[in-house]
Amino acid sequence: MRYWMMSIIVSLIFAGVCFAHPPTGVEMEFDNETKVLTVLVTHPVNKINKHFIDKIVVELNDKEIVTQTFRTQGDGEGQEVMYVIVDAKAGDTIAVTGYCNVSGKKKASLTVEDQEE
């Protein structure tokens, strides 16, 4: 009887993990003039308060400068955020990692370009 009960519990846990998935992408755009970084972490889900992007981390030249946590996702497609990064200059690298509350993460980076005159 115990083996049967344990099998059901393990199966339910495994089934929940199977339906979980990490973010599918990280889109980023940095505006040199305003110093605004716009980020979209794509993560299509049906229940934004059960399976969602729960954390976004921003790094500037490999140094963590922003960590933001969430208790739900913005919509069923993903989490969109904007940050002002006043210290970013041409040649710097900005990296963003989006974390799923159930399973996985996705990271992307960009190099800040020279401001066009």
N, C-alpha and C. Protein backbone atom coordinates (compact mmCIF):
# COMPACT_ATOMS: atom_id res chain seq x y z
N MET A 1 0.83 -1.19 0.00
CA MET A 1 0.00 0.00 0.00
C MET A 1 0.87 1.26 0.00
N ARG A 2 1.91 1.27 0.78
CA ARG A 2 2.80 2.43 0.82
C ARG A 2 3.46 2.66 -0.53
N TYR A 3 3.88 1.58 -1.20
CA TYR A 3 4.52 1.70 -2.51
C TYR A 3 3.56 2.34 -3.51
N TRP A 4 2.32 1.94 -3.49
CA TRP A 4 1.29 2.47 -4.39
C TRP A 4 1.10 3.97 -4.15
N MET A 5 1.01 4.36 -2.90
CA MET A 5 0.81 5.76 -2.54
C MET A 5 2.02 6.60 -2.94
N MET A 6 3.21 6.08 -2.69
CA MET A 6 4.44 6.79 -3.05
C MET A 6 4.55 6.93 -4.56
N SER A 7 4.15 5.94 -5.31
CA SER A 7 4.18 6.00 -6.77
C SER A 7 3.28 7.12 -7.29
N ILE A 8 2.12 7.27 -6.72
CA ILE A 8 1.19 8.33 -7.14
C ILE A 8 1.79 9.71 -6.83
N ILE A 9 2.35 9.87 -5.67
CA ILE A 9 2.94 11.15 -5.28
C ILE A 9 4.10 11.52 -6.21
N VAL A 10 4.98 10.58 -6.48
CA VAL A 10 6.11 10.83 -7.37
C VAL A 10 5.61 11.15 -8.78
N SER A 11 4.59 10.45 -9.25
CA SER A 11 4.03 10.70 -10.58
C SER A 11 3.45 12.10 -10.68
N LEU A 12 2.75 12.55 -9.65
CA LEU A 12 2.17 13.89 -9.65
C LEU A 12 3.25 14.97 -9.65
N ILE A 13 4.28 14.77 -8.88
CA ILE A 13 5.39 15.73 -8.85
C ILE A 13 6.06 15.77 -10.22
N PHE A 14 6.33 14.62 -10.79
CA PHE A 14 6.99 14.55 -12.10
C PHE A 14 6.11 15.19 -13.18
N ALA A 15 4.82 14.98 -13.13
CA ALA A 15 3.91 15.57 -14.11
C ALA A 15 3.93 17.08 -14.03
N GLY A 16 4.00 17.64 -12.85
CA GLY A 16 4.06 19.09 -12.69
C GLY A 16 5.32 19.68 -13.30
N VAL A 17 6.44 19.00 -13.09
CA VAL A 17 7.70 19.46 -13.65
C VAL A 17 7.71 19.35 -15.17
N CYS A 18 7.07 18.34 -15.72
CA CYS A 18 7.02 18.15 -17.17
C CYS A 18 6.31 19.30 -17.86
N PHE A 19 5.29 19.87 -17.24
CA PHE A 19 4.56 20.97 -17.85
C PHE A 19 5.27 22.31 -17.66
N ALA A 20 6.24 22.36 -16.79
CA ALA A 20 7.00 23.59 -16.56
C ALA A 20 8.02 23.76 -17.68
N HIS A 21 8.32 25.00 -17.99
CA HIS A 21 9.32 25.28 -19.00
C HIS A 21 10.02 26.59 -18.66
N PRO A 22 11.27 26.71 -19.09
CA PRO A 22 12.01 27.94 -18.83
C PRO A 22 11.55 29.04 -19.78
N PRO A 23 12.01 30.27 -19.55
CA PRO A 23 11.71 31.34 -20.50
C PRO A 23 12.22 30.95 -21.89
N THR A 24 11.51 31.40 -22.92
CA THR A 24 11.92 31.03 -24.29
C THR A 24 12.83 32.06 -24.93
N GLY A 25 12.89 33.26 -24.38
CA GLY A 25 13.77 34.26 -24.95
C GLY A 25 13.89 35.50 -24.09
N VAL A 26 14.92 36.28 -24.37
CA VAL A 26 15.12 37.57 -23.72
C VAL A 26 15.43 38.58 -24.83
N GLU A 27 14.53 39.54 -25.01
CA GLU A 27 14.73 40.59 -26.00
C GLU A 27 15.10 41.86 -25.24
N MET A 28 16.12 42.57 -25.74
CA MET A 28 16.62 43.76 -25.04
C MET A 28 16.88 44.88 -26.04
N GLU A 29 16.65 46.09 -25.57
CA GLU A 29 16.98 47.28 -26.37
C GLU A 29 17.44 48.37 -25.42
N PHE A 30 18.57 48.99 -25.74
CA PHE A 30 19.09 50.07 -24.90
C PHE A 30 19.09 51.36 -25.69
N ASP A 31 18.50 52.41 -25.12
CA ASP A 31 18.46 53.72 -25.75
C ASP A 31 19.56 54.58 -25.14
N ASN A 32 20.59 54.90 -25.94
CA ASN A 32 21.72 55.69 -25.45
C ASN A 32 21.32 57.06 -24.94
N GLU A 33 20.36 57.67 -25.59
CA GLU A 33 19.96 59.03 -25.24
C GLU A 33 19.27 59.09 -23.88
N THR A 34 18.32 58.20 -23.67
CA THR A 34 17.56 58.20 -22.41
C THR A 34 18.16 57.30 -21.34
N LYS A 35 19.10 56.44 -21.75
CA LYS A 35 19.73 55.45 -20.86
C LYS A 35 18.73 54.41 -20.34
N VAL A 36 17.68 54.17 -21.13
CA VAL A 36 16.63 53.22 -20.73
C VAL A 36 16.86 51.88 -21.43
N LEU A 37 16.88 50.84 -20.61
CA LEU A 37 16.95 49.47 -21.09
C LEU A 37 15.54 48.89 -21.06
N THR A 38 15.05 48.45 -22.21
CA THR A 38 13.74 47.81 -22.29
C THR A 38 13.97 46.32 -22.48
N VAL A 39 13.29 45.51 -21.67
CA VAL A 39 13.49 44.06 -21.67
C VAL A 39 12.15 43.36 -21.78
N LEU A 40 12.10 42.33 -22.63
CA LEU A 40 10.95 41.43 -22.67
C LEU A 40 11.48 40.02 -22.50
N VAL A 41 11.09 39.37 -21.40
CA VAL A 41 11.42 37.97 -21.18
C VAL A 41 10.19 37.18 -21.62
N THR A 42 10.31 36.47 -22.75
CA THR A 42 9.17 35.73 -23.27
C THR A 42 9.03 34.41 -22.53
N HIS A 43 7.78 34.14 -22.14
CA HIS A 43 7.48 32.95 -21.33
C HIS A 43 5.98 32.69 -21.43
N PRO A 44 5.53 32.10 -22.54
CA PRO A 44 4.10 31.87 -22.73
C PRO A 44 3.54 30.88 -21.70
N VAL A 45 2.52 31.32 -20.97
CA VAL A 45 1.88 30.47 -19.95
C VAL A 45 0.38 30.73 -19.94
N ASN A 46 -0.36 29.81 -19.35
CA ASN A 46 -1.80 29.96 -19.21
C ASN A 46 -2.22 30.59 -17.88
N LYS A 47 -1.49 30.29 -16.83
CA LYS A 47 -1.83 30.79 -15.49
C LYS A 47 -0.68 31.64 -14.96
N ILE A 48 -0.80 32.96 -15.15
CA ILE A 48 0.31 33.87 -14.84
C ILE A 48 0.63 34.00 -13.35
N ASN A 49 -0.25 33.50 -12.51
CA ASN A 49 0.04 33.57 -11.07
C ASN A 49 0.51 32.22 -10.51
N LYS A 50 0.59 31.20 -11.35
CA LYS A 50 1.07 29.88 -10.92
C LYS A 50 2.43 29.55 -11.54
N HIS A 51 2.63 29.93 -12.79
CA HIS A 51 3.85 29.62 -13.54
C HIS A 51 4.25 30.92 -14.23
N PHE A 52 5.35 31.53 -13.77
CA PHE A 52 5.64 32.89 -14.21
C PHE A 52 7.13 33.21 -14.09
N ILE A 53 7.51 34.35 -14.69
CA ILE A 53 8.85 34.89 -14.50
C ILE A 53 8.87 35.52 -13.11
N ASP A 54 9.69 34.95 -12.22
CA ASP A 54 9.69 35.45 -10.84
C ASP A 54 10.88 36.33 -10.50
N LYS A 55 11.87 36.41 -11.43
CA LYS A 55 13.02 37.25 -11.14
C LYS A 55 13.71 37.65 -12.44
N ILE A 56 14.16 38.90 -12.46
CA ILE A 56 14.99 39.38 -13.55
C ILE A 56 16.23 40.01 -12.93
N VAL A 57 17.39 39.62 -13.46
CA VAL A 57 18.67 40.15 -12.98
C VAL A 57 19.36 40.85 -14.15
N VAL A 58 19.83 42.08 -13.90
CA VAL A 58 20.56 42.86 -14.90
C VAL A 58 22.00 43.03 -14.43
N GLU A 59 22.93 42.79 -15.35
CA GLU A 59 24.35 42.97 -15.07
C GLU A 59 24.93 43.99 -16.03
N LEU A 60 25.85 44.80 -15.54
CA LEU A 60 26.60 45.73 -16.36
C LEU A 60 28.07 45.35 -16.23
N ASN A 61 28.65 44.92 -17.34
CA ASN A 61 30.05 44.46 -17.34
C ASN A 61 30.31 43.41 -16.25
N ASP A 62 29.42 42.40 -16.21
CA ASP A 62 29.52 41.26 -15.29
C ASP A 62 29.31 41.61 -13.81
N LYS A 63 28.80 42.80 -13.54
CA LYS A 63 28.49 43.17 -12.15
C LYS A 63 26.98 43.34 -12.04
N GLU A 64 26.38 42.61 -11.09
CA GLU A 64 24.93 42.69 -10.89
C GLU A 64 24.54 44.09 -10.40
N ILE A 65 23.62 44.72 -11.14
CA ILE A 65 23.20 46.07 -10.77
C ILE A 65 21.71 46.17 -10.44
N VAL A 66 20.91 45.20 -10.92
CA VAL A 66 19.47 45.20 -10.64
C VAL A 66 19.02 43.77 -10.41
N THR A 67 18.24 43.56 -9.37
CA THR A 67 17.53 42.30 -9.16
C THR A 67 16.10 42.67 -8.81
N GLN A 68 15.18 42.21 -9.63
CA GLN A 68 13.76 42.50 -9.37
C GLN A 68 13.01 41.18 -9.30
N THR A 69 12.17 41.04 -8.28
CA THR A 69 11.37 39.83 -8.13
C THR A 69 9.90 40.15 -8.38
N PHE A 70 9.16 39.11 -8.78
CA PHE A 70 7.75 39.26 -9.12
C PHE A 70 6.95 38.14 -8.47
N ARG A 71 5.66 38.42 -8.23
CA ARG A 71 4.76 37.40 -7.68
C ARG A 71 3.77 36.92 -8.72
N THR A 72 3.81 37.49 -9.89
CA THR A 72 2.99 37.07 -11.02
C THR A 72 3.66 37.60 -12.28
N GLN A 73 3.18 37.16 -13.42
CA GLN A 73 3.74 37.60 -14.69
C GLN A 73 2.85 38.66 -15.30
N GLY A 74 3.43 39.60 -16.04
CA GLY A 74 2.68 40.71 -16.63
C GLY A 74 1.50 40.28 -17.48
N ASP A 75 1.70 39.28 -18.31
CA ASP A 75 0.62 38.72 -19.12
C ASP A 75 1.00 37.31 -19.54
N GLY A 76 0.18 36.68 -20.35
CA GLY A 76 0.41 35.30 -20.75
C GLY A 76 1.56 35.09 -21.71
N GLU A 77 2.17 36.19 -22.18
CA GLU A 77 3.29 36.09 -23.12
C GLU A 77 4.64 36.25 -22.45
N GLY A 78 4.69 37.00 -21.36
CA GLY A 78 5.98 37.20 -20.70
C GLY A 78 5.98 38.37 -19.74
N GLN A 79 7.19 38.78 -19.36
CA GLN A 79 7.39 39.87 -18.41
C GLN A 79 8.16 40.99 -19.12
N GLU A 80 7.58 42.18 -19.16
CA GLU A 80 8.25 43.32 -19.78
C GLU A 80 8.59 44.34 -18.71
N VAL A 81 9.83 44.84 -18.76
CA VAL A 81 10.31 45.80 -17.77
C VAL A 81 11.19 46.84 -18.44
N MET A 82 11.38 47.95 -17.74
CA MET A 82 12.28 49.01 -18.21
C MET A 82 13.12 49.47 -17.03
N TYR A 83 14.41 49.68 -17.29
CA TYR A 83 15.32 50.15 -16.26
C TYR A 83 16.15 51.30 -16.80
N VAL A 84 16.43 52.28 -15.97
CA VAL A 84 17.35 53.35 -16.32
C VAL A 84 18.74 52.92 -15.83
N ILE A 85 19.69 52.89 -16.77
CA ILE A 85 21.06 52.49 -16.43
C ILE A 85 21.98 53.65 -16.79
N VAL A 86 22.13 54.57 -15.86
CA VAL A 86 22.85 55.81 -16.12
C VAL A 86 24.35 55.60 -16.34
N ASP A 87 24.91 54.51 -15.82
CA ASP A 87 26.35 54.27 -15.94
C ASP A 87 26.77 53.60 -17.24
N ALA A 88 25.82 53.15 -18.06
CA ALA A 88 26.16 52.43 -19.28
C ALA A 88 26.74 53.39 -20.32
N LYS A 89 27.84 52.95 -20.94
CA LYS A 89 28.47 53.76 -21.98
C LYS A 89 28.91 52.84 -23.12
N ALA A 90 29.28 53.46 -24.24
CA ALA A 90 29.67 52.70 -25.42
C ALA A 90 30.74 51.67 -25.07
N GLY A 91 30.54 50.45 -25.56
CA GLY A 91 31.47 49.35 -25.31
C GLY A 91 31.12 48.49 -24.12
N ASP A 92 30.25 48.97 -23.23
CA ASP A 92 29.83 48.18 -22.07
C ASP A 92 28.93 47.03 -22.50
N THR A 93 28.93 45.99 -21.68
CA THR A 93 28.05 44.85 -21.92
C THR A 93 26.95 44.83 -20.86
N ILE A 94 25.71 44.74 -21.35
CA ILE A 94 24.56 44.60 -20.47
C ILE A 94 24.01 43.20 -20.68
N ALA A 95 23.86 42.44 -19.58
CA ALA A 95 23.30 41.09 -19.64
C ALA A 95 22.05 41.03 -18.78
N VAL A 96 21.06 40.30 -19.25
CA VAL A 96 19.80 40.14 -18.52
C VAL A 96 19.48 38.66 -18.43
N THR A 97 19.11 38.21 -17.23
CA THR A 97 18.68 36.83 -17.02
C THR A 97 17.27 36.84 -16.46
N GLY A 98 16.37 36.09 -17.10
CA GLY A 98 15.01 35.91 -16.61
C GLY A 98 14.86 34.52 -16.03
N TYR A 99 14.24 34.42 -14.86
CA TYR A 99 14.09 33.15 -14.15
C TYR A 99 12.61 32.76 -14.06
N CYS A 100 12.32 31.51 -14.35
CA CYS A 100 10.98 30.95 -14.18
C CYS A 100 10.84 30.47 -12.74
N ASN A 101 9.69 30.67 -12.13
CA ASN A 101 9.49 30.24 -10.74
C ASN A 101 9.43 28.73 -10.59
N VAL A 102 9.23 28.02 -11.69
CA VAL A 102 9.13 26.56 -11.62
C VAL A 102 10.41 25.88 -12.11
N SER A 103 10.92 26.34 -13.26
CA SER A 103 12.06 25.64 -13.83
C SER A 103 12.78 26.48 -14.87
N GLY A 104 14.05 26.69 -14.68
CA GLY A 104 14.90 27.24 -15.71
C GLY A 104 15.06 28.74 -15.75
N LYS A 105 15.96 29.16 -16.64
CA LYS A 105 16.27 30.56 -16.82
C LYS A 105 16.75 30.77 -18.25
N LYS A 106 16.79 32.04 -18.67
CA LYS A 106 17.27 32.39 -20.00
C LYS A 106 18.06 33.68 -19.87
N LYS A 107 19.22 33.76 -20.57
CA LYS A 107 20.08 34.92 -20.48
C LYS A 107 20.40 35.44 -21.87
N ALA A 108 20.52 36.75 -21.99
CA ALA A 108 20.93 37.39 -23.23
C ALA A 108 21.77 38.60 -22.87
N SER A 109 22.56 39.07 -23.84
CA SER A 109 23.37 40.25 -23.58
C SER A 109 23.48 41.10 -24.84
N LEU A 110 23.88 42.34 -24.63
CA LEU A 110 24.13 43.25 -25.75
C LEU A 110 25.29 44.15 -25.39
N THR A 111 25.91 44.71 -26.43
CA THR A 111 26.98 45.66 -26.24
C THR A 111 26.43 47.05 -26.55
N VAL A 112 26.66 47.99 -25.64
CA VAL A 112 26.19 49.35 -25.83
C VAL A 112 26.99 49.97 -26.98
N GLU A 113 26.26 50.52 -27.93
CA GLU A 113 26.90 51.12 -29.10
C GLU A 113 27.14 52.60 -28.89
N ASP A 114 28.02 53.17 -29.72
CA ASP A 114 28.27 54.61 -29.68
C ASP A 114 26.97 55.34 -29.98
N GLN A 115 26.77 56.44 -29.29
CA GLN A 115 25.57 57.26 -29.53
C GLN A 115 25.71 57.94 -30.88
N GLU A 116 24.66 57.80 -31.69
CA GLU A 116 24.67 58.41 -33.01
C GLU A 116 24.44 59.89 -32.87
N GLU A 117 25.17 60.66 -33.63
CA GLU A 117 25.06 62.12 -33.57
C GLU A 117 24.04 62.59 -34.58
